[in-house]
């Protein structure tokens, strides 16, 4: 199943990444591992077909002392 991750960019454009995965959590894991930049525009919306199914949000981790990605289902 293809999942699309759409992320707004600071210049007003968007970055769109399509990931083929067996399920939503596998797609989220691949997106964070390969494409998510904690220093860049962190929030992303996840589409399955024409439906928004989740979002990737930034969160500060005091244990790591850095930003981490958090999945939130919609």
Protein backbone atom coordinates (compact mmCIF):
# COMPACT_ATOMS: atom_id res chain seq x y z
CA UNK A 1 0.00 0.00 0.00
CA UNK A 2 1.49 3.40 -0.92
CA UNK A 3 1.53 6.08 1.76
CA UNK A 4 2.29 9.72 0.93
CA UNK A 5 4.05 11.99 3.38
CA UNK A 6 3.52 15.67 2.64
CA UNK A 7 5.67 18.20 4.44
CA UNK A 8 5.49 22.01 4.09
CA UNK A 9 8.82 23.71 3.44
CA UNK A 10 9.97 27.10 4.80
CA UNK A 11 10.04 28.57 1.26
CA UNK A 12 6.30 27.88 0.80
CA UNK A 13 6.77 24.73 -1.27
CA UNK A 14 6.03 21.17 -0.24
CA UNK A 15 8.02 17.96 -0.11
CA UNK A 16 6.11 14.81 -1.00
CA UNK A 17 7.49 11.33 -0.41
CA UNK A 18 5.70 8.10 -1.38
CA UNK A 19 6.53 4.96 0.57
CA UNK A 20 5.33 1.43 -0.27
CA UNK A 21 4.74 -0.44 2.97
CA UNK A 22 2.63 -3.26 4.35
CA UNK A 23 1.06 -0.99 6.97
CA UNK A 24 1.02 2.54 8.32
CA UNK A 25 3.55 1.96 11.12
CA UNK A 26 6.07 0.43 8.69
CA UNK A 27 5.67 3.48 6.44
CA UNK A 28 6.10 5.85 9.42
CA UNK A 29 9.24 4.01 10.54
CA UNK A 30 10.77 4.18 7.06
CA UNK A 31 9.90 7.87 6.69
CA UNK A 32 11.51 8.78 10.02
CA UNK A 33 14.59 6.62 9.41
CA UNK A 34 15.26 7.77 5.83
CA UNK A 35 13.63 11.17 5.34
CA UNK A 36 12.78 12.99 8.59
CA UNK A 37 15.16 15.81 9.50
CA UNK A 38 14.85 17.00 13.12
CA UNK A 39 16.49 20.30 12.12
CA UNK A 40 14.12 20.92 9.21
CA UNK A 41 10.37 21.42 8.90
CA UNK A 42 9.32 18.53 11.10
CA UNK A 43 5.55 18.16 10.78
CA UNK A 44 4.20 15.96 7.97
CA UNK A 45 0.73 14.71 7.03
CA UNK A 46 0.30 11.05 6.01
CA UNK A 47 -2.15 10.12 3.26
CA UNK A 48 -3.42 6.66 2.34
CA UNK A 49 -5.11 7.11 -1.01
CA UNK A 50 -7.10 10.34 -0.67
CA UNK A 51 -7.51 10.16 3.10
CA UNK A 52 -5.39 11.68 5.85
CA UNK A 53 -4.56 8.82 8.21
CA UNK A 54 -1.92 10.32 10.47
CA UNK A 55 0.69 12.95 11.08
CA UNK A 56 4.31 13.13 12.11
CA UNK A 57 4.92 15.71 14.81
CA UNK A 58 8.12 16.91 16.44
CA UNK A 59 8.65 16.52 20.18
CA UNK A 60 11.61 17.44 22.32
CA UNK A 61 13.06 14.44 24.13
CA UNK A 62 14.74 15.50 27.36
CA UNK A 63 16.27 12.02 27.66
CA UNK A 64 18.01 12.39 24.28
CA UNK A 65 18.39 16.16 24.42
CA UNK A 66 17.12 16.40 20.85
CA UNK A 67 13.97 16.42 18.75
CA UNK A 68 12.22 13.15 17.94
CA UNK A 69 9.38 12.22 15.60
CA UNK A 70 6.03 11.20 17.09
CA UNK A 71 3.25 9.43 15.17
CA UNK A 72 -0.33 10.56 15.75
CA UNK A 73 -3.21 8.68 14.10
CA UNK A 74 -6.13 10.69 12.79
